Protein backbone atom coordinates (compact mmCIF):
# COMPACT_ATOMS: atom_id res chain seq x y z
CA MET A 1 0.00 0.00 0.00
CA PRO A 2 1.50 3.40 -0.97
CA GLU A 3 2.78 5.44 1.95
CA ARG A 4 0.54 8.41 2.74
CA ALA A 5 -1.43 8.07 -0.51
CA LEU A 6 -2.12 11.27 -2.37
CA ARG A 7 -5.57 12.79 -2.51
CA GLY A 8 -7.24 14.52 -5.42
CA ARG A 9 -5.48 16.81 -7.84
CA ARG A 10 -7.74 19.74 -7.09
CA ILE A 11 -5.83 22.84 -5.92
CA PRO A 12 -7.48 24.52 -2.88
CA TRP A 13 -7.74 28.29 -3.03
CA PRO A 14 -5.42 28.84 0.01
CA VAL A 15 -2.68 26.96 -1.86
CA LEU A 16 -3.31 29.04 -4.96
CA LEU A 17 -3.05 32.24 -2.90
CA VAL A 18 0.27 31.08 -1.44
CA VAL A 19 1.61 30.39 -4.93
CA LEU A 20 0.50 33.81 -6.16
CA ALA A 21 2.08 35.47 -3.12
CA CYS A 22 5.40 33.79 -3.94
CA VAL A 23 5.46 35.16 -7.50
CA PRO A 24 6.55 38.75 -6.59
CA LEU A 25 9.27 37.42 -4.28
CA LEU A 26 10.59 35.15 -7.00
CA TRP A 27 10.43 37.85 -9.65
CA GLN A 28 12.31 40.32 -7.44
CA ALA A 29 15.39 38.10 -7.80
CA MET A 30 14.71 36.54 -11.20
CA ARG A 31 14.57 39.89 -12.99
CA HIS A 32 18.31 40.16 -12.23
CA PHE A 33 19.04 36.71 -13.69
CA ASP A 34 21.23 36.25 -16.72
CA ALA A 35 20.77 33.59 -19.43
CA LEU A 36 22.67 30.94 -17.47
CA GLN A 37 20.55 31.40 -14.35
CA TRP A 38 17.35 31.24 -16.41
CA PHE A 39 18.69 28.02 -17.90
CA GLY A 40 19.03 26.60 -14.38
CA ILE A 41 15.46 27.62 -13.53
CA ALA A 42 14.20 26.02 -16.75
CA LEU A 43 15.78 22.70 -15.72
CA LEU A 44 14.01 22.58 -12.34
CA PRO A 45 10.87 20.74 -13.58
CA PHE A 46 13.13 17.98 -14.92
CA ILE A 47 15.26 17.81 -11.77
CA LEU A 48 12.53 17.80 -9.10
CA SER A 49 10.67 14.67 -10.31
CA PRO A 50 8.35 14.11 -7.28
CA ASP A 51 7.47 10.57 -6.18
CA ARG A 52 3.68 10.62 -6.61
CA THR A 53 3.19 7.47 -4.52
CA ARG A 54 4.27 9.22 -1.32
CA ARG A 55 3.92 12.55 0.46
CA GLY A 56 6.69 14.42 2.17
CA GLY A 57 6.83 16.12 5.54
CA GLY A 58 7.65 19.63 6.71
CA LEU A 59 11.33 19.80 5.69
CA TYR A 60 10.86 22.56 3.13
CA LEU A 61 8.45 24.50 5.34
CA VAL A 62 11.09 24.67 8.07
CA THR A 63 13.67 25.61 5.44
CA ALA A 64 11.41 28.39 4.16
CA ALA A 65 10.98 29.70 7.72
CA VAL A 66 14.77 29.83 8.18
CA PHE A 67 15.24 31.65 4.87
CA THR A 68 12.48 34.11 5.76
CA LEU A 69 14.16 34.88 9.08
CA LEU A 70 17.46 35.46 7.27
CA HIS A 71 15.74 37.77 4.79
CA LEU A 72 14.16 39.81 7.59
CA THR A 73 17.52 39.97 9.38
CA LEU A 74 19.85 40.64 6.44
CA GLY A 75 17.46 42.25 3.98
CA GLN A 76 18.97 40.53 0.93
CA TYR A 77 16.43 39.77 -1.80
CA TYR A 78 18.05 36.42 -2.59
CA TRP A 79 16.93 35.10 0.79
CA ALA A 80 13.35 36.09 -0.08
CA PHE A 81 13.75 34.26 -3.39
CA ALA A 82 15.05 31.16 -1.58
CA ALA A 83 12.18 31.33 0.94
CA ALA A 84 9.54 31.60 -1.80
CA LEU A 85 11.16 28.76 -3.74
CA ALA A 86 11.24 26.62 -0.58
CA ILE A 87 7.51 27.26 -0.06
CA LEU A 88 6.79 26.09 -3.61
CA TYR A 89 8.97 23.04 -2.95
CA HIS A 90 6.91 22.40 0.20
CA LEU A 91 3.66 22.48 -1.78
CA VAL A 92 5.05 20.02 -4.32
CA HIS A 93 6.58 17.88 -1.54
CA THR A 94 3.34 17.60 0.44
CA ARG A 95 0.62 17.77 -2.23
CA VAL A 96 2.09 16.43 -5.47
CA GLY A 97 4.70 13.91 -4.38
CA ARG A 98 7.70 13.43 -2.15
CA LEU A 99 10.91 15.13 -3.31
CA ASN A 100 14.22 13.34 -2.85
CA ALA A 101 17.66 14.56 -1.76
CA ILE A 102 18.46 15.77 -5.28
CA ALA A 103 15.68 18.36 -5.11
CA PHE A 104 16.99 19.76 -1.82
CA CYS A 105 20.44 20.26 -3.39
CA THR A 106 18.95 22.39 -6.16
CA LEU A 107 17.49 24.69 -3.51
CA ILE A 108 20.86 25.05 -1.79
CA PHE A 109 22.56 26.10 -5.03
CA TYR A 110 20.35 29.20 -5.30
CA LEU A 111 21.43 30.59 -1.92
CA PRO A 112 23.58 33.76 -1.80
CA LEU A 113 25.82 31.99 0.71
CA THR A 114 26.50 29.23 -1.83
CA ARG A 115 27.21 31.76 -4.56
CA SER A 116 29.64 33.67 -2.32
CA PHE A 117 31.38 30.47 -1.26
CA PHE A 118 32.03 29.30 -4.82
CA THR A 119 33.17 32.77 -5.85
CA LEU A 120 35.82 32.68 -3.10
CA PHE A 121 36.53 28.98 -3.60
CA GLY A 122 36.92 29.40 -7.36
CA PHE A 123 39.46 32.19 -6.87
CA HIS A 124 41.75 30.04 -4.72
CA VAL A 125 41.37 26.97 -6.93
CA ARG A 126 42.15 29.08 -10.00
CA ILE A 127 45.46 30.08 -8.41
CA LEU A 128 46.17 26.48 -7.41
CA ILE A 129 45.56 24.94 -10.83
CA THR A 130 47.62 27.71 -12.44
CA LYS A 131 50.52 26.69 -10.19
CA TRP A 132 50.00 23.01 -11.11
CA ALA A 133 49.85 23.87 -14.80
CA GLY A 134 53.07 25.87 -14.46
CA LYS A 135 54.87 22.87 -12.95
CA VAL A 136 53.67 20.57 -15.73
CA LEU A 137 54.65 23.04 -18.45
CA ALA A 138 58.06 23.47 -16.81
CA LEU A 139 58.76 19.81 -17.59
CA VAL A 140 58.78 20.57 -21.33
CA ASN A 141 59.85 24.21 -21.14
CA GLY A 142 62.20 25.37 -18.42
CA ASN A 143 61.37 29.04 -18.93
CA VAL A 144 57.96 28.99 -17.21
CA GLN A 145 56.91 31.09 -14.24
CA ALA A 146 53.48 31.10 -12.56
CA VAL A 147 52.34 33.81 -10.12
CA ASP A 148 48.75 33.80 -8.83
CA SER A 149 46.52 33.49 -11.92
CA ARG A 150 49.20 34.70 -14.35
CA MET A 151 51.82 32.69 -16.17
CA TRP A 152 54.89 33.66 -18.22
CA VAL A 153 56.21 31.31 -20.90
CA ASP A 154 59.33 32.47 -22.75
CA GLY A 155 58.52 36.02 -21.65
CA GLN A 156 54.96 35.88 -22.97
CA GLU A 157 52.27 36.52 -20.37
CA PHE A 158 49.14 34.40 -20.05
CA THR A 159 46.29 35.32 -17.71
CA VAL A 160 43.84 32.67 -16.58
CA ASP A 161 40.28 33.68 -17.39
CA PRO A 162 38.50 34.79 -14.17
CA GLY A 163 35.54 32.67 -15.29
CA CYS A 164 37.74 29.58 -15.24
CA MET A 165 36.74 27.38 -12.32
CA GLY A 166 34.46 30.22 -11.24
CA LEU A 167 30.95 30.27 -9.83
CA ARG A 168 29.12 29.81 -13.13
CA LEU A 169 31.07 26.77 -14.24
CA VAL A 170 30.80 24.97 -10.89
CA ILE A 171 27.10 25.68 -10.35
CA THR A 172 26.29 24.73 -13.96
CA ALA A 173 28.22 21.47 -13.55
CA PHE A 174 26.34 20.72 -10.33
CA ILE A 175 22.92 21.44 -11.85
CA LEU A 176 23.64 19.26 -14.89
CA SER A 177 24.97 16.51 -12.59
CA LEU A 178 21.76 16.61 -10.57
CA LEU A 179 19.72 16.49 -13.78
CA ILE A 180 21.60 13.40 -14.99
CA MET A 181 21.31 11.69 -11.61
CA GLN A 182 17.60 12.44 -11.31
CA GLN A 183 16.81 11.16 -14.79
CA VAL A 184 18.82 7.96 -14.19
CA ALA A 185 17.10 7.43 -10.83
CA LYS A 186 13.68 8.04 -12.37
CA HIS A 187 14.33 5.69 -15.29
CA ASN A 188 15.47 2.89 -12.97
CA GLY A 189 12.96 3.55 -10.17
CA LEU A 190 15.67 4.37 -7.63
CA ARG A 191 15.69 6.65 -4.57
CA PRO A 192 19.28 7.88 -4.27
CA PRO A 193 20.41 8.41 -0.66
CA ARG A 194 21.99 11.68 0.39
CA TRP A 195 25.52 10.25 0.55
CA LYS A 196 25.35 9.10 -3.07
CA VAL A 197 24.09 12.50 -4.20
CA SER A 198 26.91 14.19 -2.27
CA ALA A 199 29.51 11.79 -3.69
CA PHE A 200 28.29 12.44 -7.24
CA LEU A 201 28.57 16.20 -6.70
CA VAL A 202 32.10 15.83 -5.32
CA LEU A 203 33.01 13.79 -8.41
CA SER A 204 31.54 16.53 -10.58
CA LEU A 205 33.64 19.15 -8.78
CA VAL A 206 36.81 17.08 -9.25
CA LEU A 207 36.09 16.70 -12.97
CA VAL A 208 35.59 20.46 -13.31
CA ILE A 209 38.96 21.09 -11.64
CA VAL A 210 40.72 18.50 -13.81
CA ALA A 211 39.08 19.85 -16.98
CA ASN A 212 40.22 23.39 -16.18
CA PHE A 213 43.73 22.18 -15.42
CA PHE A 214 44.04 20.58 -18.86
CA ARG A 215 42.39 23.61 -20.42
CA ILE A 216 45.15 25.86 -19.08
CA VAL A 217 47.96 23.48 -20.04
CA LEU A 218 46.72 22.92 -23.59
CA THR A 219 45.89 26.59 -24.16
CA VAL A 220 49.34 27.77 -23.10
CA GLN A 221 51.23 24.96 -24.80
CA PHE A 222 49.39 25.03 -28.13
């Protein structure tokens, strides 16, 4: 027997009012989105994939309350966006079908804290992979010097693109990884545990770092 079987598909008017109330909060942030962020939003219906045989609990409602408190405290519109999105997740989670761990990760990636972290993280990793690339290139060319995100080869200066290993590339890789994982899980009728989702995201991050390392080496060498 399905756990907590779903009721009818009819949308009560209080739910409809909540959805309409979320629209201005979402639009306040989304009107600042660029093409890449709109692309991430467009992928959400394919990533969420609710399990219609079960209903979820109050996880996203509690999350929305936390985000609302942060918005009232800090005043940043992105927290209001995250709170409104969490409320919509809660409605899907409790009325349409249970959302898995993959869906929760998508919510985390829209937080300003996450964006700030990967901006800072990307800066340090960019310096690190430039240093690694300099050491590899020094094996075939002794006249190589790497300082921060700049590299000199035979007196010619190369500057690593600030977008390399930056926020956009990492977040895009994560979103596409979640999309692939969700579609595979849906096709095979699986419910991926949180540790597998986390491990897949770590693997995605490692591949992004490795790809950018080879990008720098090949660009400078050839």
